[in-house]
Amino acid sequence: KTTVLVARLGYMVLCSGIDPRTILTTTYTVAATKDMRERCSALFGQQLADALEFRTINGLSARIIRRCEQRVGMQAFELVTDEHFLNEIVGQIYHAITKEYPTESDIKSVRTAITYAKNMMLAETEIDNLKNGIPHFPEIYRAYNTALRSQSRMDYDDQMVYAYRILRKYPAILRAAQSAYRYICVDEAQDTSRIQHEIIRLLAGAHGNLFMV
């Protein structure tokens, strides 16, 4: 799949004359973006590879949030990258609500369920009816989100949620992003979640130049 996409990038620039600065290529992980850039450089040269933009959806979301900061004068929440810190928050909330001390497995299950709820863009009623075997999950989920917001912090899933909301709320920011990224290529599209697809859909909406493998 990646070979197909890299070959297409070369064709777009070298055969179709498309400005490489207008092409956004996204994939699932930072390591995958690095691999794709290296493959592109090996096939078509470092200069072309450097002119192209390779990003994860989270990296793209971070750029959208920064653009919002600049345009609106809003200070974005701090991104929490410390997994131990997030596990502590979940553990404290779990104990406060269930009156039981969570195991590492319990915390992992809650974190996974939180990620699922945000990535699938579940509505409040869907969260209330979610059957995942976690006791009091809706209460834990809402308390977790409240705890982060009260500290002006966000996790990686929030980063995508906030970027999506920004694109929906501020048409000027969406138009600027659509103008910057006239061609969008997505590698490993089967690994993208609903929120990721929605961000891509918004960005591709103006031109329809979307290629996914």
C-alpha atoms as a PDB file:
ATOM      1  CA  LYS A   1       0.000   0.000   0.000  1.00  0.00           C
ATOM      2  CA  THR A   2       2.744   2.441   0.927  1.00  0.00           C
ATOM      3  CA  THR A   3       4.644   1.674  -2.277  1.00  0.00           C
ATOM      4  CA  VAL A   4       1.536   2.534  -4.296  1.00  0.00           C
ATOM      5  CA  LEU A   5       1.115   5.839  -2.466  1.00  0.00           C
ATOM      6  CA  VAL A   6       4.769   6.863  -2.732  1.00  0.00           C
ATOM      7  CA  ALA A   7       4.790   6.072  -6.459  1.00  0.00           C
ATOM      8  CA  ARG A   8       1.675   8.181  -6.884  1.00  0.00           C
ATOM      9  CA  LEU A   9       3.297  11.112  -5.068  1.00  0.00           C
ATOM     10  CA  GLY A  10       6.168  11.003  -7.523  1.00  0.00           C
ATOM     11  CA  TYR A  11       3.751  10.868 -10.445  1.00  0.00           C
ATOM     12  CA  MET A  12       1.736  13.831  -9.111  1.00  0.00           C
ATOM     13  CA  VAL A  13       4.799  16.051  -8.840  1.00  0.00           C
ATOM     14  CA  LEU A  14       7.093  14.865 -11.650  1.00  0.00           C
ATOM     15  CA  CYS A  15       4.521  13.905 -14.289  1.00  0.00           C
ATOM     16  CA  SER A  16       1.457  16.025 -13.496  1.00  0.00           C
ATOM     17  CA  GLY A  17       3.302  19.156 -12.395  1.00  0.00           C
ATOM     18  CA  ILE A  18       1.458  19.492  -9.070  1.00  0.00           C
ATOM     19  CA  ASP A  19       3.135  21.773  -6.531  1.00  0.00           C
ATOM     20  CA  PRO A  20       4.388  19.385  -3.795  1.00  0.00           C
ATOM     21  CA  ARG A  21       3.662  22.038  -1.168  1.00  0.00           C
ATOM     22  CA  THR A  22      -0.072  21.601  -1.820  1.00  0.00           C
ATOM     23  CA  ILE A  23       0.004  17.849  -1.097  1.00  0.00           C
ATOM     24  CA  LEU A  24      -0.721  16.496   2.376  1.00  0.00           C
ATOM     25  CA  THR A  25       0.087  12.847   3.065  1.00  0.00           C
ATOM     26  CA  THR A  26      -1.176  11.341   6.299  1.00  0.00           C
ATOM     27  CA  THR A  27      -0.633   7.984   7.901  1.00  0.00           C
ATOM     28  CA  TYR A  28      -1.166   6.234  11.198  1.00  0.00           C
ATOM     29  CA  THR A  29       2.042   6.723  13.210  1.00  0.00           C
ATOM     30  CA  VAL A  30       5.053   9.035  13.385  1.00  0.00           C
ATOM     31  CA  ALA A  31       7.289   6.081  12.483  1.00  0.00           C
ATOM     32  CA  ALA A  32       5.182   5.455   9.378  1.00  0.00           C
ATOM     33  CA  THR A  33       5.498   9.081   8.247  1.00  0.00           C
ATOM     34  CA  LYS A  34       9.273   8.835   8.626  1.00  0.00           C
ATOM     35  CA  ASP A  35       9.330   5.589   6.642  1.00  0.00           C
ATOM     36  CA  MET A  36       7.243   7.125   3.867  1.00  0.00           C
ATOM     37  CA  ARG A  37       9.502  10.178   3.630  1.00  0.00           C
ATOM     38  CA  GLU A  38      12.575   7.932   3.435  1.00  0.00           C
ATOM     39  CA  ARG A  39      10.995   5.819   0.693  1.00  0.00           C
ATOM     40  CA  CYS A  40      10.057   8.932  -1.238  1.00  0.00           C
ATOM     41  CA  SER A  41      13.589  10.283  -0.906  1.00  0.00           C
ATOM     42  CA  ALA A  42      15.101   7.000  -2.073  1.00  0.00           C
ATOM     43  CA  LEU A  43      12.929   6.940  -5.190  1.00  0.00           C
ATOM     44  CA  PHE A  44      12.671  10.607  -6.153  1.00  0.00           C
ATOM     45  CA  GLY A  45      15.400  12.446  -4.253  1.00  0.00           C
ATOM     46  CA  GLN A  46      15.672  14.323  -0.987  1.00  0.00           C
ATOM     47  CA  GLN A  47      14.574  17.650  -2.473  1.00  0.00           C
ATOM     48  CA  LEU A  48      11.174  16.330  -3.503  1.00  0.00           C
ATOM     49  CA  ALA A  49      10.715  14.459  -0.233  1.00  0.00           C
ATOM     50  CA  ASP A  50      11.485  17.618   1.757  1.00  0.00           C
ATOM     51  CA  ALA A  51       8.937  19.622  -0.245  1.00  0.00           C
ATOM     52  CA  LEU A  52       6.135  17.188   0.602  1.00  0.00           C
ATOM     53  CA  GLU A  53       4.293  17.221   3.927  1.00  0.00           C
ATOM     54  CA  PHE A  54       3.954  13.928   5.792  1.00  0.00           C
ATOM     55  CA  ARG A  55       1.900  14.029   8.984  1.00  0.00           C
ATOM     56  CA  THR A  56      -0.141  11.907  11.322  1.00  0.00           C
ATOM     57  CA  ILE A  57      -3.713  13.040  11.953  1.00  0.00           C
ATOM     58  CA  ASN A  58      -2.612  14.113  15.429  1.00  0.00           C
ATOM     59  CA  GLY A  59       0.202  16.173  13.941  1.00  0.00           C
ATOM     60  CA  LEU A  60      -2.292  17.731  11.551  1.00  0.00           C
ATOM     61  CA  SER A  61      -4.679  18.394  14.440  1.00  0.00           C
ATOM     62  CA  ALA A  62      -1.914  20.157  16.358  1.00  0.00           C
ATOM     63  CA  ARG A  63      -1.334  22.463  13.392  1.00  0.00           C
ATOM     64  CA  ILE A  64      -5.065  23.264  13.147  1.00  0.00           C
ATOM     65  CA  ILE A  65      -5.158  24.096  16.860  1.00  0.00           C
ATOM     66  CA  ARG A  66      -2.111  26.363  16.519  1.00  0.00           C
ATOM     67  CA  ARG A  67      -3.780  28.144  13.605  1.00  0.00           C
ATOM     68  CA  CYS A  68      -6.809  28.722  15.823  1.00  0.00           C
ATOM     69  CA  GLU A  69      -4.578  30.156  18.542  1.00  0.00           C
ATOM     70  CA  GLN A  70      -3.109  32.630  16.049  1.00  0.00           C
ATOM     71  CA  ARG A  71      -6.396  33.680  14.469  1.00  0.00           C
ATOM     72  CA  VAL A  72      -8.654  33.755  17.494  1.00  0.00           C
ATOM     73  CA  GLY A  73      -6.113  34.617  20.184  1.00  0.00           C
ATOM     74  CA  MET A  74      -7.162  31.534  22.123  1.00  0.00           C
ATOM     75  CA  GLN A  75      -4.707  29.692  24.333  1.00  0.00           C
ATOM     76  CA  ALA A  76      -5.001  25.995  23.578  1.00  0.00           C
ATOM     77  CA  PHE A  77      -5.061  23.356  26.261  1.00  0.00           C
ATOM     78  CA  GLU A  78      -1.766  21.694  27.089  1.00  0.00           C
ATOM     79  CA  LEU A  79      -1.303  18.290  25.469  1.00  0.00           C
ATOM     80  CA  VAL A  80      -0.583  15.581  28.042  1.00  0.00           C
ATOM     81  CA  THR A  81       2.025  13.153  26.746  1.00  0.00           C
ATOM     82  CA  ASP A  82       2.744  11.492  30.102  1.00  0.00           C
ATOM     83  CA  GLU A  83       0.799   8.225  30.107  1.00  0.00           C
ATOM     84  CA  HIS A  84       1.539   7.686  33.801  1.00  0.00           C
ATOM     85  CA  PHE A  85      -0.176  10.995  34.613  1.00  0.00           C
ATOM     86  CA  LEU A  86      -3.293  10.003  32.676  1.00  0.00           C
ATOM     87  CA  ASN A  87      -3.334   6.565  34.293  1.00  0.00           C
ATOM     88  CA  GLU A  88      -3.204   8.224  37.707  1.00  0.00           C
ATOM     89  CA  ILE A  89      -6.190  10.402  36.871  1.00  0.00           C
ATOM     90  CA  VAL A  90      -8.171   7.383  35.683  1.00  0.00           C
ATOM     91  CA  GLY A  91      -7.174   5.381  38.758  1.00  0.00           C
ATOM     92  CA  GLN A  92      -8.251   8.115  41.157  1.00  0.00           C
ATOM     93  CA  ILE A  93     -11.576   8.612  39.390  1.00  0.00           C
ATOM     94  CA  TYR A  94     -12.206   4.869  39.200  1.00  0.00           C
ATOM     95  CA  HIS A  95     -11.647   4.498  42.943  1.00  0.00           C
ATOM     96  CA  ALA A  96     -13.782   7.536  43.799  1.00  0.00           C
ATOM     97  CA  ILE A  97     -16.741   6.297  41.758  1.00  0.00           C
ATOM     98  CA  THR A  98     -16.609   2.507  42.201  1.00  0.00           C
ATOM     99  CA  LYS A  99     -15.100   2.516  45.723  1.00  0.00           C
ATOM    100  CA  GLU A 100     -12.678  -0.142  44.513  1.00  0.00           C
ATOM    101  CA  TYR A 101      -8.973   0.087  43.748  1.00  0.00           C
ATOM    102  CA  PRO A 102      -8.347  -0.530  40.042  1.00  0.00           C
ATOM    103  CA  THR A 103      -5.798  -2.983  38.719  1.00  0.00           C
ATOM    104  CA  GLU A 104      -3.505  -2.094  35.841  1.00  0.00           C
ATOM    105  CA  SER A 105      -5.871  -4.071  33.634  1.00  0.00           C
ATOM    106  CA  ASP A 106      -8.839  -2.025  34.854  1.00  0.00           C
ATOM    107  CA  ILE A 107      -7.056   1.237  34.049  1.00  0.00           C
ATOM    108  CA  LYS A 108      -6.034  -0.012  30.623  1.00  0.00           C
ATOM    109  CA  SER A 109      -9.617  -1.070  29.879  1.00  0.00           C
ATOM    110  CA  VAL A 110     -10.969   2.328  30.900  1.00  0.00           C
ATOM    111  CA  ARG A 111      -8.345   4.178  28.823  1.00  0.00           C
ATOM    112  CA  THR A 112      -9.179   2.000  25.807  1.00  0.00           C
ATOM    113  CA  ALA A 113     -12.897   2.639  26.233  1.00  0.00           C
ATOM    114  CA  ILE A 114     -12.332   6.397  26.525  1.00  0.00           C
ATOM    115  CA  THR A 115     -10.290   6.382  23.324  1.00  0.00           C
ATOM    116  CA  TYR A 116     -13.005   4.382  21.576  1.00  0.00           C
ATOM    117  CA  ALA A 117     -15.748   6.800  22.675  1.00  0.00           C
ATOM    118  CA  LYS A 118     -13.849   9.846  21.435  1.00  0.00           C
ATOM    119  CA  ASN A 119     -12.608   8.300  18.197  1.00  0.00           C
ATOM    120  CA  MET A 120     -16.069   7.015  17.307  1.00  0.00           C
ATOM    121  CA  MET A 121     -17.609  10.407  18.210  1.00  0.00           C
ATOM    122  CA  LEU A 122     -20.199   8.750  20.446  1.00  0.00           C
ATOM    123  CA  ALA A 123     -23.110  10.896  21.589  1.00  0.00           C
ATOM    124  CA  GLU A 124     -23.955  11.157  25.272  1.00  0.00           C
ATOM    125  CA  THR A 125     -26.816   8.682  24.918  1.00  0.00           C
ATOM    126  CA  GLU A 126     -24.538   6.219  23.114  1.00  0.00           C
ATOM    127  CA  ILE A 127     -21.996   6.474  25.935  1.00  0.00           C
ATOM    128  CA  ASP A 128     -24.747   5.859  28.476  1.00  0.00           C
ATOM    129  CA  ASN A 129     -25.788   2.700  26.610  1.00  0.00           C
ATOM    130  CA  LEU A 130     -22.277   1.445  25.862  1.00  0.00           C
ATOM    131  CA  LYS A 131     -21.796  -2.182  26.904  1.00  0.00           C
ATOM    132  CA  ASN A 132     -18.098  -2.629  27.635  1.00  0.00           C
ATOM    133  CA  GLY A 133     -18.163  -4.397  30.998  1.00  0.00           C
ATOM    134  CA  ILE A 134     -16.678  -1.422  32.858  1.00  0.00           C
ATOM    135  CA  PRO A 135     -18.721  -0.501  35.941  1.00  0.00           C
ATOM    136  CA  HIS A 136     -19.985   3.102  35.959  1.00  0.00           C
ATOM    137  CA  PHE A 137     -18.153   3.871  32.712  1.00  0.00           C
ATOM    138  CA  PRO A 138     -20.302   6.892  31.728  1.00  0.00           C
ATOM    139  CA  GLU A 139     -19.568   8.536  35.074  1.00  0.00           C
ATOM    140  CA  ILE A 140     -15.866   7.723  34.836  1.00  0.00           C
ATOM    141  CA  TYR A 141     -15.725   9.012  31.266  1.00  0.00           C
ATOM    142  CA  ARG A 142     -17.323  12.356  32.109  1.00  0.00           C
ATOM    143  CA  ALA A 143     -15.280  12.787  35.287  1.00  0.00           C
ATOM    144  CA  TYR A 144     -12.079  12.132  33.319  1.00  0.00           C
ATOM    145  CA  ASN A 145     -12.955  14.760  30.734  1.00  0.00           C
ATOM    146  CA  THR A 146     -13.903  17.244  33.431  1.00  0.00           C
ATOM    147  CA  ALA A 147     -10.621  16.628  35.264  1.00  0.00           C
ATOM    148  CA  LEU A 148      -8.578  17.373  32.136  1.00  0.00           C
ATOM    149  CA  ARG A 149     -10.576  20.470  31.217  1.00  0.00           C
ATOM    150  CA  SER A 150     -10.349  21.831  34.767  1.00  0.00           C
ATOM    151  CA  GLN A 151      -6.549  21.717  34.399  1.00  0.00           C
ATOM    152  CA  SER A 152      -6.643  23.160  30.842  1.00  0.00           C
ATOM    153  CA  ARG A 153      -5.216  19.912  29.487  1.00  0.00           C
ATOM    154  CA  MET A 154      -6.085  17.492  26.697  1.00  0.00           C
ATOM    155  CA  ASP A 155      -5.072  13.993  25.707  1.00  0.00           C
ATOM    156  CA  TYR A 156      -4.228  12.827  22.170  1.00  0.00           C
ATOM    157  CA  ASP A 157      -7.845  11.913  21.435  1.00  0.00           C
ATOM    158  CA  ASP A 158      -9.030  15.338  22.596  1.00  0.00           C
ATOM    159  CA  GLN A 159      -6.522  16.896  20.220  1.00  0.00           C
ATOM    160  CA  MET A 160      -8.398  15.447  17.254  1.00  0.00           C
ATOM    161  CA  VAL A 161     -11.798  16.261  18.738  1.00  0.00           C
ATOM    162  CA  TYR A 162     -10.830  19.913  19.267  1.00  0.00           C
ATOM    163  CA  ALA A 163      -9.315  20.184  15.778  1.00  0.00           C
ATOM    164  CA  TYR A 164     -12.549  18.856  14.284  1.00  0.00           C
ATOM    165  CA  ARG A 165     -14.623  21.318  16.295  1.00  0.00           C
ATOM    166  CA  ILE A 166     -12.372  24.182  15.205  1.00  0.00           C
ATOM    167  CA  LEU A 167     -12.810  23.280  11.541  1.00  0.00           C
ATOM    168  CA  ARG A 168     -16.589  23.191  12.039  1.00  0.00           C
ATOM    169  CA  LYS A 169     -16.761  26.388  14.103  1.00  0.00           C
ATOM    170  CA  TYR A 170     -14.350  28.647  12.200  1.00  0.00           C
ATOM    171  CA  PRO A 171     -14.960  28.626   8.421  1.00  0.00           C
ATOM    172  CA  ALA A 172     -11.936  30.871   7.803  1.00  0.00           C
ATOM    173  CA  ILE A 173      -9.619  28.318   9.397  1.00  0.00           C
ATOM    174  CA  LEU A 174     -11.208  25.507   7.377  1.00  0.00           C
ATOM    175  CA  ARG A 175     -10.858  27.485   4.141  1.00  0.00           C
ATOM    176  CA  ALA A 176      -7.191  28.230   4.913  1.00  0.00           C
ATOM    177  CA  ALA A 177      -6.500  24.543   5.523  1.00  0.00           C
ATOM    178  CA  GLN A 178      -8.357  23.543   2.347  1.00  0.00           C
ATOM    179  CA  SER A 179      -6.353  26.104   0.380  1.00  0.00           C
ATOM    180  CA  ALA A 180      -3.060  24.867   1.825  1.00  0.00           C
ATOM    181  CA  TYR A 181      -3.865  21.178   1.229  1.00  0.00           C
ATOM    182  CA  ARG A 182      -5.423  20.903  -2.234  1.00  0.00           C
ATOM    183  CA  TYR A 183      -4.466  17.230  -2.536  1.00  0.00           C
ATOM    184  CA  ILE A 184      -4.804  14.756   0.324  1.00  0.00           C
ATOM    185  CA  CYS A 185      -3.341  11.247   0.367  1.00  0.00           C
ATOM    186  CA  VAL A 186      -4.034   8.786   3.177  1.00  0.00           C
ATOM    187  CA  ASP A 187      -1.977   5.668   3.816  1.00  0.00           C
ATOM    188  CA  GLU A 188      -3.258   2.778   5.964  1.00  0.00           C
ATOM    189  CA  ALA A 189      -6.788   4.173   5.690  1.00  0.00           C
ATOM    190  CA  GLN A 190      -8.215   1.048   7.333  1.00  0.00           C
ATOM    191  CA  ASP A 191      -6.603   2.153  10.613  1.00  0.00           C
ATOM    192  CA  THR A 192      -8.252   5.570  10.731  1.00  0.00           C
ATOM    193  CA  SER A 193     -11.129   6.159  13.124  1.00  0.00           C
ATOM    194  CA  ARG A 194     -14.370   8.050  12.578  1.00  0.00           C
ATOM    195  CA  ILE A 195     -13.026  11.333  13.971  1.00  0.00           C
ATOM    196  CA  GLN A 196      -9.975  11.033  11.722  1.00  0.00           C
ATOM    197  CA  HIS A 197     -12.157  10.359   8.688  1.00  0.00           C
ATOM    198  CA  GLU A 198     -14.308  13.382   9.509  1.00  0.00           C
ATOM    199  CA  ILE A 199     -11.278  15.675   9.701  1.00  0.00           C
ATOM    200  CA  ILE A 200     -10.058  14.376   6.351  1.00  0.00           C
ATOM    201  CA  ARG A 201     -13.545  14.721   4.849  1.00  0.00           C
ATOM    202  CA  LEU A 202     -13.712  18.389   5.863  1.00  0.00           C
ATOM    203  CA  LEU A 203     -10.263  19.161   4.462  1.00  0.00           C
ATOM    204  CA  ALA A 204     -11.004  17.411   1.154  1.00  0.00           C
ATOM    205  CA  GLY A 205     -14.469  18.913   0.842  1.00  0.00           C
ATOM    206  CA  ALA A 206     -13.492  21.955  -1.222  1.00  0.00           C
ATOM    207  CA  HIS A 207     -11.548  20.168  -3.956  1.00  0.00           C
ATOM    208  CA  GLY A 208     -12.407  16.483  -3.716  1.00  0.00           C
ATOM    209  CA  ASN A 209      -8.802  15.511  -4.397  1.00  0.00           C
ATOM    210  CA  LEU A 210      -8.656  12.600  -1.975  1.00  0.00           C
ATOM    211  CA  PHE A 211      -6.718   9.365  -2.432  1.00  0.00           C
ATOM    212  CA  MET A 212      -6.820   6.625   0.192  1.00  0.00           C
ATOM    213  CA  VAL A 213      -5.138   3.221   0.320  1.00  0.00           C
END
